[in-house]
Protein backbone atom coordinates (compact mmCIF):
# COMPACT_ATOMS: atom_id res chain seq x y z
CA MET A 1 102.50 63.26 66.90
CA GLY A 2 102.20 66.96 67.84
CA CYS A 3 104.81 66.58 70.70
CA SER A 4 107.52 65.03 68.45
CA TRP A 5 107.12 67.82 65.94
CA ARG A 6 107.59 70.45 68.65
CA LYS A 7 110.78 68.72 69.95
CA THR A 8 112.31 68.58 66.48
CA LEU A 9 111.58 72.23 65.88
CA SER A 10 113.18 73.31 69.19
CA PHE A 11 116.30 71.23 68.41
CA PHE A 12 116.78 72.95 65.10
CA LEU A 13 116.27 76.35 66.62
CA VAL A 14 119.13 75.69 69.13
CA PHE A 15 121.47 73.97 66.67
CA VAL A 16 121.31 76.56 63.89
CA PRO A 17 122.65 79.57 65.93
CA ILE A 18 125.52 77.50 67.27
CA TYR A 19 126.46 76.41 63.80
CA LEU A 20 126.29 79.95 62.41
CA HIS A 21 128.57 81.25 65.24
CA GLY A 22 131.24 78.59 64.60
CA ALA A 23 131.26 79.36 60.91
CA SER A 24 131.80 83.06 61.45
CA SER A 25 134.71 82.51 63.85
CA GLN A 26 136.39 80.18 61.37
CA GLU A 27 136.16 82.79 58.62
CA ALA A 28 137.99 85.36 60.82
CA ALA A 29 141.01 83.07 61.46
CA PRO A 30 144.10 82.94 59.19
CA VAL A 31 143.65 81.12 55.95
CA GLY A 32 146.84 79.17 55.44
CA PRO A 33 147.14 76.48 58.11
CA ARG A 34 143.43 76.07 58.63
CA LYS A 35 142.47 74.91 55.14
CA PRO A 36 141.60 71.35 56.15
CA PHE A 37 139.33 72.70 58.75
CA PHE A 38 137.40 74.72 56.19
CA GLU A 39 137.12 71.76 53.99
CA ARG A 40 135.64 69.82 56.81
CA LEU A 41 133.39 72.74 57.63
CA ARG A 42 132.23 72.91 54.03
CA ARG A 43 131.48 69.24 54.05
CA LEU A 44 129.59 69.68 57.31
CA GLU A 45 127.72 72.55 55.76
CA GLU A 46 126.76 70.44 52.79
CA GLN A 47 125.74 67.65 55.12
CA PHE A 48 123.76 70.15 57.10
CA ARG A 49 122.02 71.37 53.96
CA ARG A 50 121.17 67.82 53.01
CA PHE A 51 120.05 67.19 56.56
CA GLN A 52 118.05 70.39 56.45
CA GLU A 53 116.39 69.30 53.21
CA VAL A 54 115.62 65.87 54.63
CA THR A 55 114.36 67.48 57.79
CA TRP A 56 112.24 69.91 55.83
CA THR A 57 110.81 67.11 53.76
CA HIS A 58 110.16 65.16 56.92
CA LEU A 59 108.51 68.19 58.50
CA GLN A 60 106.31 68.66 55.44
CA SER A 61 105.21 65.03 55.56
CA ILE A 62 104.54 65.39 59.29
CA ALA A 63 102.49 68.52 58.62
CA SER A 64 100.54 66.84 55.90
CA ASN A 65 99.93 63.81 58.13
CA TYR A 66 98.82 66.14 60.87
CA ASN A 67 96.35 67.83 58.52
CA VAL A 68 95.05 64.41 57.42
CA SER A 69 94.70 63.24 60.98
CA TYR A 70 92.94 66.44 61.88
CA ASN A 71 90.54 66.03 58.99
CA VAL A 72 89.94 62.41 60.02
CA ASP A 73 89.19 63.51 63.55
CA VAL A 74 86.76 66.11 62.30
CA ARG A 75 85.16 63.52 60.07
CA PHE A 76 84.93 61.07 62.95
CA ARG A 77 83.27 63.71 65.10
CA SER A 78 80.77 64.56 62.33
CA LEU A 79 80.05 60.88 61.78
CA ALA A 80 79.51 60.39 65.46
CA GLU A 81 77.06 63.32 65.50
CA GLU A 82 75.26 61.94 62.44
CA SER A 83 75.07 58.47 63.95
CA GLN A 84 73.65 60.01 67.08
CA ALA A 85 71.02 61.85 65.00
CA VAL A 86 70.23 58.67 63.07
CA ALA A 87 69.88 56.74 66.31
CA GLN A 88 67.50 59.35 67.65
CA ALA A 89 65.51 59.29 64.37
CA VAL A 90 65.42 55.48 64.51
CA ASN A 91 64.19 55.61 68.05
CA ARG A 92 61.50 58.07 67.12
CA SER A 93 60.54 55.93 64.09
CA GLN A 94 60.40 52.82 66.25
CA ALA A 95 58.15 54.57 68.70
CA SER A 96 55.91 55.79 65.87
CA VAL A 97 55.83 52.33 64.23
CA GLN A 98 55.04 50.69 67.52
CA GLY A 99 52.16 53.13 68.01
CA GLU A 100 50.88 52.49 64.51
CA LEU A 101 51.27 48.72 65.02
CA ALA A 102 49.25 48.98 68.19
CA GLN A 103 46.54 50.88 66.31
CA LEU A 104 46.69 48.36 63.44
CA LYS A 105 46.34 45.46 65.87
CA ALA A 106 43.36 47.13 67.44
CA TRP A 107 41.85 47.76 63.97
CA VAL A 108 42.54 44.13 62.94
CA ARG A 109 40.82 42.85 66.07
CA LYS A 110 37.91 45.15 65.34
CA MET A 111 37.72 43.98 61.71
CA GLN A 112 37.92 40.36 62.84
CA ARG A 113 34.93 40.92 65.07
CA ARG A 114 33.09 42.61 62.20
CA GLY A 115 34.17 39.81 59.85
CA ARG A 116 32.74 37.21 62.20
CA LYS A 117 29.48 39.15 62.31
CA VAL A 118 29.46 39.44 58.50
CA ASP A 119 30.21 35.71 58.16
CA THR A 120 27.29 34.96 60.43
CA ARG A 121 25.02 37.20 58.37
CA LEU A 122 26.32 35.70 55.11
CA ARG A 123 25.66 32.19 56.34
CA ALA A 124 22.17 33.21 57.32
CA LEU A 125 21.69 34.93 53.95
CA ASP A 126 23.09 31.88 52.15
CA LEU A 127 20.62 29.66 53.94
CA THR A 128 17.81 32.05 53.07
CA LEU A 129 18.91 32.26 49.43
CA GLY A 130 19.23 28.50 49.26
CA GLU A 131 15.71 28.10 50.55
CA ARG A 132 14.46 30.76 48.15
CA SER A 133 16.31 29.19 45.21
CA GLN A 134 14.84 25.82 46.05
CA GLN A 135 11.42 27.42 46.31
CA ARG A 136 11.93 29.19 42.99
CA ALA A 137 13.14 25.97 41.40
CA ARG A 138 9.99 24.27 42.63
CA GLU A 139 7.94 27.19 41.34
CA ARG A 140 9.74 27.03 37.97
CA LYS A 141 9.05 23.31 37.77
CA ALA A 142 5.43 23.94 38.65
CA HIS A 143 5.21 26.78 36.10
CA LYS A 144 6.92 24.61 33.46
CA ALA A 145 4.49 21.81 34.17
CA GLN A 146 1.59 24.29 33.93
CA ARG A 147 3.03 25.78 30.74
CA ASP A 148 3.50 22.33 29.20
CA ALA A 149 -0.03 21.43 30.22
CA LEU A 150 -1.31 24.71 28.75
CA GLN A 151 0.66 24.14 25.56
CA ASP A 152 -0.70 20.61 25.26
CA SER A 153 -4.20 21.91 25.93
CA LEU A 154 -3.67 24.72 23.40
CA ALA A 155 -2.34 22.26 20.83
CA ARG A 156 -5.30 19.96 21.39
CA LEU A 157 -7.63 22.96 21.23
CA GLU A 158 -6.03 24.18 17.99
CA GLY A 159 -6.26 20.71 16.52
CA LEU A 160 -9.87 20.49 17.62
CA ILE A 161 -10.63 23.95 16.21
CA HIS A 162 -9.07 23.10 12.84
CA SER A 163 -10.74 19.70 12.83
CA GLN A 164 -14.12 21.27 13.59
CA GLY A 165 -13.40 23.95 10.99
CA ALA A 166 -12.63 21.25 8.41
CA ARG A 167 -15.82 19.40 9.34
CA LEU A 168 -17.78 22.65 9.14
CA ALA A 169 -16.32 23.31 5.71
CA ALA A 170 -17.22 19.75 4.73
CA LEU A 171 -20.79 20.25 5.97
CA GLU A 172 -21.06 23.53 4.06
CA GLY A 173 -19.68 21.83 0.96
CA ARG A 174 -22.22 19.00 1.23
CA LEU A 175 -25.19 21.39 1.03
CA PRO A 176 -25.20 23.05 -2.44
CA VAL A 177 -28.06 25.37 -3.33
CA ALA A 178 -30.56 24.37 -6.03
CA HIS A 179 -30.25 27.03 -8.72
CA PRO A 180 -31.15 26.78 -12.35
CA GLY A 181 -27.95 26.73 -14.39
CA THR A 182 -25.81 26.32 -11.29
CA ALA A 183 -23.48 23.37 -10.80
CA ALA A 184 -23.88 21.28 -7.65
CA LEU A 185 -20.92 20.87 -5.39
CA GLY A 186 -19.37 17.44 -5.11
CA PRO A 187 -18.76 15.55 -1.85
CA ALA A 188 -16.71 17.40 0.71
CA LEU A 189 -13.28 16.36 1.87
CA VAL A 190 -13.22 14.68 5.28
CA PRO A 191 -10.03 14.38 7.40
CA THR A 192 -8.37 11.03 7.14
CA PRO A 193 -7.12 10.02 10.61
CA THR A 194 -3.57 8.83 10.93
CA GLN A 195 -4.56 6.29 13.61
CA PRO A 196 -7.74 4.22 14.08
CA GLU A 197 -10.25 6.09 16.21
CA GLU A 198 -13.65 5.34 17.60
CA LEU A 199 -16.42 6.88 15.51
CA SER A 200 -19.05 8.95 17.26
CA PRO A 201 -22.74 8.85 16.28
CA THR A 202 -22.28 12.18 14.53
CA SER A 203 -19.38 10.77 12.46
CA LEU A 204 -21.49 7.74 11.51
CA LYS A 205 -24.30 10.04 10.44
CA LEU A 206 -21.85 12.15 8.37
CA GLN A 207 -20.60 8.99 6.63
CA ARG A 208 -24.13 7.88 5.84
CA ASP A 209 -24.97 11.35 4.48
CA ARG A 210 -21.82 11.32 2.36
CA GLN A 211 -22.70 7.91 0.93
CA GLU A 212 -26.17 9.15 0.09
CA LEU A 213 -24.72 12.23 -1.63
CA ARG A 214 -22.32 10.06 -3.63
CA ALA A 215 -25.17 7.86 -4.75
CA ALA A 216 -27.26 10.88 -5.75
CA SER A 217 -24.37 12.40 -7.68
CA GLU A 218 -23.68 9.16 -9.55
CA HIS A 219 -27.32 8.93 -10.53
CA GLY A 220 -27.52 12.51 -11.70
CA GLY A 221 -29.79 13.76 -8.93
CA PRO A 222 -28.26 16.94 -7.52
CA PRO A 223 -28.84 17.39 -3.80
CA GLN A 224 -30.60 20.55 -2.64
CA ASP A 225 -29.22 23.10 -0.14
CA SER A 226 -29.09 26.82 0.68
CA SER A 227 -25.36 27.69 0.45
CA ALA A 228 -23.57 29.28 -2.50
CA PRO A 229 -21.82 26.86 -4.89
CA LEU A 230 -18.07 26.62 -4.51
CA GLN A 231 -15.29 25.65 -6.82
CA GLY A 232 -14.68 21.92 -7.15
CA ARG A 233 -11.75 20.25 -5.46
CA ARG A 234 -9.37 17.47 -6.35
CA GLU A 235 -7.98 14.92 -3.93
CA PRO A 236 -4.63 16.08 -2.47
CA PRO A 237 -1.74 13.59 -2.35
CA ALA A 238 -0.42 12.13 0.88
CA SER A 239 2.82 13.32 2.47
CA GLY A 240 5.01 11.52 4.94
CA SER A 241 5.92 14.59 6.95
CA HIS A 242 2.38 15.70 7.76
CA ARG A 243 -1.21 14.55 7.85
CA VAL A 244 -2.99 14.94 4.50
CA LEU A 245 -6.73 15.34 4.19
CA SER A 246 -8.28 13.65 1.18
CA GLY A 247 -11.67 13.32 -0.40
CA THR A 248 -13.46 12.55 -3.63
CA ALA A 249 -13.13 14.73 -6.72
CA PRO A 250 -16.38 15.90 -8.33
CA LYS A 251 -17.26 14.29 -11.60
CA ASP A 252 -19.12 17.23 -13.15
CA PRO A 253 -16.58 19.27 -15.15
CA ARG A 254 -18.63 22.41 -14.54
CA GLN A 255 -17.63 22.17 -10.90
CA GLN A 256 -13.94 22.73 -11.64
CA ALA A 257 -14.31 26.53 -11.81
CA TRP A 258 -16.82 29.30 -11.27
CA SER A 259 -18.72 30.50 -14.27
CA PRO A 260 -18.87 34.29 -14.69
CA GLN A 261 -22.64 34.09 -14.38
CA GLU A 262 -22.63 32.05 -11.19
CA PRO A 263 -23.30 33.84 -7.88
CA GLY A 264 -20.16 32.24 -6.37
CA GLU A 265 -17.64 33.99 -8.62
CA ILE A 266 -14.57 35.58 -6.97
CA CYS A 267 -15.03 39.34 -6.87
CA GLY A 268 -13.82 42.32 -4.87
CA VAL A 269 -10.48 40.85 -3.73
CA GLY A 270 -8.35 43.84 -4.76
CA PRO A 271 -5.53 44.24 -7.31
CA THR A 272 -4.02 41.30 -9.15
CA LEU A 273 -0.32 40.78 -9.94
CA VAL A 274 0.37 38.95 -13.20
CA PHE A 275 3.77 37.25 -13.69
CA PRO A 276 3.74 36.38 -17.43
CA ASN A 277 7.01 34.43 -17.66
CA ALA A 278 9.94 33.00 -15.68
CA SER A 279 12.25 35.97 -16.12
CA THR A 280 14.41 36.76 -13.10
CA LYS A 281 13.49 40.42 -13.59
CA ASN A 282 9.90 39.70 -12.58
CA VAL A 283 10.08 40.55 -8.89
CA VAL A 284 7.82 42.36 -6.43
CA PHE A 285 9.00 43.65 -3.05
CA LEU A 286 6.75 44.00 -0.01
CA SER A 287 7.83 47.01 2.01
CA PRO A 288 8.55 47.56 4.87
CA GLY A 289 8.67 43.79 5.41
CA PHE A 290 8.57 42.37 8.94
CA VAL A 291 9.21 45.14 11.46
CA THR A 292 8.96 42.85 14.52
CA ALA A 293 9.88 39.24 15.22
CA LEU A 294 7.13 36.74 14.35
CA ARG A 295 6.21 33.75 16.50
CA ALA A 296 3.17 32.99 14.34
CA LEU A 297 2.34 33.56 10.69
CA SER A 298 -0.61 33.27 8.30
CA PHE A 299 -0.09 33.68 4.54
CA CYS A 300 -3.23 33.68 2.38
CA SER A 301 -3.72 34.49 -1.31
CA TRP A 302 -5.70 33.70 -4.41
CA VAL A 303 -3.34 31.98 -6.87
CA ARG A 304 -3.63 30.87 -10.49
CA MET A 305 -0.75 28.95 -12.03
CA ALA A 306 -0.09 29.62 -15.70
CA SER A 307 2.38 26.74 -16.07
CA GLY A 308 2.52 23.12 -15.09
CA ARG A 309 4.78 23.74 -12.09
CA LEU A 310 4.76 25.70 -8.88
CA GLY A 311 7.22 28.56 -8.54
CA THR A 312 8.17 30.70 -5.58
CA LEU A 313 5.25 32.47 -3.96
CA LEU A 314 7.12 34.15 -1.10
CA SER A 315 10.78 34.60 -0.10
CA TYR A 316 12.12 36.34 3.03
CA ALA A 317 15.91 36.75 3.37
CA THR A 318 18.13 38.29 6.05
CA GLU A 319 21.86 38.93 6.21
CA ASP A 320 22.60 35.71 8.13
CA ASN A 321 20.15 33.44 6.25
CA ASP A 322 18.68 33.90 2.77
CA ASN A 323 15.91 31.35 3.50
CA LYS A 324 14.34 32.62 6.72
CA LEU A 325 10.86 32.12 5.24
CA VAL A 326 10.21 30.60 1.82
CA LEU A 327 7.26 29.08 -0.07
CA HIS A 328 8.81 27.83 -3.27
CA GLY A 329 8.70 25.09 -5.88
CA ARG A 330 11.18 24.37 -8.64
CA ASP A 331 11.67 22.10 -11.62
CA SER A 332 13.56 19.49 -9.56
CA LEU A 333 10.71 18.99 -7.07
CA LEU A 334 7.79 16.63 -7.41
CA PRO A 335 5.17 18.31 -9.63
CA GLY A 336 2.60 20.00 -7.45
CA SER A 337 4.76 20.04 -4.29
CA ILE A 338 6.12 23.12 -2.60
CA HIS A 339 8.71 23.59 0.16
CA PHE A 340 7.61 25.52 3.24
CA VAL A 341 10.93 26.73 4.74
CA ILE A 342 11.39 28.49 8.07
CA GLY A 343 15.01 29.16 9.04
CA ASP A 344 16.84 27.04 6.45
CA PRO A 345 17.52 24.09 6.45
CA ALA A 346 14.27 23.21 8.29
CA PHE A 347 11.35 22.73 5.86
CA ARG A 348 8.15 20.78 5.21
CA GLU A 349 6.96 19.62 1.79
CA LEU A 350 3.35 20.62 1.11
CA PRO A 351 1.09 19.06 -1.55
CA LEU A 352 -0.44 21.62 -3.89
CA GLN A 353 -1.36 19.50 -6.93
CA LEU A 354 -4.76 21.19 -6.88
CA LEU A 355 -3.14 24.37 -8.18
CA LEU A 356 -1.89 22.76 -11.40
CA ASP A 357 -5.28 22.94 -13.18
CA GLY A 358 -4.76 26.57 -14.24
CA GLN A 359 -7.77 27.82 -12.23
CA TRP A 360 -8.03 30.23 -9.33
CA HIS A 361 -7.54 28.67 -5.89
CA HIS A 362 -7.43 30.16 -2.44
CA ILE A 363 -4.53 28.94 -0.26
CA CYS A 364 -3.63 29.66 3.37
CA VAL A 365 -0.37 28.52 4.99
CA ILE A 366 -0.46 28.94 8.78
CA TRP A 367 2.34 28.35 11.30
CA THR A 368 2.81 28.95 15.03
CA SER A 369 5.90 28.39 17.16
CA THR A 370 3.72 26.82 19.86
CA GLN A 371 4.66 23.14 19.42
CA GLY A 372 5.64 24.03 15.84
CA ARG A 373 2.10 23.47 14.52
CA TYR A 374 1.28 24.27 10.87
CA TRP A 375 -1.75 23.95 8.58
CA LEU A 376 -2.35 24.17 4.83
CA HIS A 377 -5.82 25.20 3.63
CA VAL A 378 -6.78 25.05 -0.04
CA ASP A 379 -10.18 26.47 -1.02
CA ARG A 380 -11.33 26.52 2.64
CA ARG A 381 -10.45 22.89 3.28
CA LEU A 382 -7.61 21.57 5.39
CA VAL A 383 -5.20 19.71 3.12
CA ALA A 384 -2.16 19.12 5.37
CA THR A 385 -1.16 19.66 8.98
CA GLY A 386 1.73 18.77 11.28
CA SER A 387 3.71 19.73 14.37
CA ARG A 388 7.27 19.97 15.75
CA PHE A 389 8.22 22.32 12.93
CA ARG A 390 10.46 25.10 14.26
CA GLU A 391 8.97 24.86 17.75
CA GLY A 392 9.73 28.00 19.81
CA TYR A 393 11.37 29.73 16.81
CA GLU A 394 11.12 33.45 15.97
CA ILE A 395 11.29 34.86 12.46
CA PRO A 396 13.54 37.93 12.86
CA PRO A 397 12.67 41.37 11.47
CA GLY A 398 14.65 43.60 9.12
CA GLY A 399 14.94 41.31 6.08
CA SER A 400 13.91 41.54 2.42
CA LEU A 401 10.42 40.20 1.51
CA VAL A 402 9.91 39.27 -2.16
CA LEU A 403 7.05 37.83 -4.22
CA GLY A 404 7.61 35.66 -7.29
CA GLN A 405 11.36 34.95 -6.85
CA GLU A 406 13.56 32.93 -4.45
CA GLN A 407 16.43 34.98 -2.98
CA ASP A 408 19.93 33.52 -2.67
CA SER A 409 21.09 36.87 -1.27
CA VAL A 410 19.25 39.79 0.27
CA GLY A 411 17.19 41.28 -2.57
CA GLY A 412 18.88 39.24 -5.34
CA GLY A 413 20.41 35.96 -6.47
CA PHE A 414 17.28 34.90 -8.40
CA ASP A 415 16.96 31.67 -10.43
CA SER A 416 14.51 31.33 -13.32
CA SER A 417 13.88 27.67 -12.41
CA GLU A 418 12.32 28.88 -9.15
CA ALA A 419 10.39 31.85 -10.58
CA PHE A 420 6.61 32.06 -10.26
CA VAL A 421 4.53 32.15 -13.45
CA GLY A 422 0.88 33.01 -12.96
CA SER A 423 -1.29 35.45 -11.04
CA MET A 424 -1.75 36.44 -7.38
CA SER A 425 -4.60 38.38 -5.86
CA GLY A 426 -5.94 39.20 -2.40
CA LEU A 427 -2.57 38.40 -0.82
CA ALA A 428 -2.26 39.19 2.90
CA ILE A 429 0.01 38.22 5.82
CA TRP A 430 -0.91 38.13 9.52
CA ASP A 431 1.35 37.82 12.56
CA ARG A 432 -1.01 35.31 14.15
CA ALA A 433 -2.56 31.95 13.32
CA LEU A 434 -5.94 32.30 11.62
CA VAL A 435 -8.65 29.91 12.77
CA PRO A 436 -10.57 27.79 10.23
CA GLY A 437 -13.64 30.04 10.42
CA GLU A 438 -11.54 33.07 9.44
CA VAL A 439 -9.95 31.10 6.58
CA ALA A 440 -13.37 30.03 5.32
CA ASN A 441 -14.81 33.55 5.56
CA LEU A 442 -11.77 34.93 3.73
CA ALA A 443 -12.07 32.33 0.95
CA ILE A 444 -15.76 33.07 0.29
CA GLY A 445 -15.29 36.83 0.62
CA LYS A 446 -17.54 37.06 3.66
CA GLU A 447 -15.11 38.75 6.04
CA PHE A 448 -11.48 39.88 5.94
CA PRO A 449 -9.67 38.91 9.20
CA THR A 450 -8.38 41.84 11.21
CA GLY A 451 -4.73 42.53 12.02
CA ALA A 452 -3.10 41.98 8.61
CA ILE A 453 0.47 43.33 8.68
CA LEU A 454 1.11 43.21 4.91
CA THR A 455 -1.08 43.19 1.80
CA LEU A 456 -0.62 43.93 -1.90
CA ALA A 457 -1.00 47.61 -0.97
CA ASN A 458 2.59 47.27 0.28
CA ALA A 459 3.77 45.82 -3.06
CA ALA A 460 6.41 47.69 -5.06
CA LEU A 461 7.16 46.55 -8.62
CA ALA A 462 10.90 46.35 -9.18
CA GLY A 463 10.76 46.05 -12.96
CA GLY A 464 10.51 43.26 -15.46
CA PHE A 465 7.20 42.21 -17.02
CA VAL A 466 5.02 42.05 -13.91
CA GLN A 467 1.65 43.72 -14.47
CA ARG A 468 -0.83 45.07 -11.94
CA ALA A 469 -4.45 44.51 -12.98
CA ASN A 470 -7.60 45.78 -11.31
CA CYS A 471 -10.30 43.23 -12.06
CA THR A 472 -13.80 43.34 -10.61
CA CYS A 473 -13.82 39.54 -10.57
CA LEU A 474 -10.84 37.20 -10.83
CA GLU A 475 -12.42 35.12 -13.62
CA ARG A 476 -12.36 38.22 -15.81
CA CYS A 477 -8.66 38.91 -15.31
CA PRO A 478 -6.41 38.31 -18.35
């Protein structure tokens, strides 16, 4: 393209001087006869101008094309240099990647070897753990079997202890002291077995002694003995949910209560709380309540009912359950029965008809989560017992503990039909199960069991008509 442009330019440079010389010679010639020639020259000049314009336009387009082609060449050269640089960079990257791949392969092979070693160790550890888990499972089974055996032995031992305690109380009750002006105690209550059992020689002797005492009492001859006279007892009713211990009620009306002059009167048991009516404002709080979870419980108190029904003795409510622990009776229940509730809706119905005579009675309700055993003692004697009641359960801490009212919400929701009307004295709560000897000593005022977590010293009157009385002896309380 550069050669053609040079040829065209040289042609025009030769042609233009020739043309200019011819034109000047024609102008110097005469004008007349040469007019057609000038016309033709003018036309040639015009054609030349047009040709010159076309040529100039053509030259401009050639120049522009040349510039474009030059720019394209420059661009091609720069692209070639860039491609060369890219190729070199790619080569370097490939070399680097290949080196890194070689290192990665070596690292992978190394990790594979380590992985195989770790797998071998894991398999060995798995085998060891499997053997240990099997050994622990066998140990757990053995421990469970030992624990079950211990629990069975403990349950049998507790049953034996309470049975012996009941028999001891019966023996103590059969031996009244001979005092002038003192009433003789009637025959003691003896446990009634739920199943036929073989009688031992001692049991046969006890039955013969009881028959002799019955005969002496019917004939007016009081038996002689060295123990203090106790309050008379009535026969408790049977209950289907637990074993009930029964006996014979004394016939002498003087045996129904202690006389103020008798040496067996109830004295020195502490303050007395008197609930005069069934108002829902009559409430007493025990503070601080249960500060730890309880897996066993003993509730003991002297109680005198002023009405012909049993109200609520104790109510413990928490945020998730307003009947975590309740001892309550109401108008709709069988007269003389009370519901012993632990973690509503589980409960047992306890017979307390003995308390309806308007006299002072000592009661102890005992429960342990070991096999869910529970016992009810009234005036030292075992009245009811059972098992499988809230076995393994824990009474949680942090609730509201109330005397005399049944809570339907924490610290409130009282109902007058469930209110307690009467008097309480010597109330105490333990976080363990008292044994029969402790119950008997507590009932006769011989010894106060250690470890009480709450007593009436923790009582706070919330209002209403509840009165606190300090009586030297309970028979002298209003």
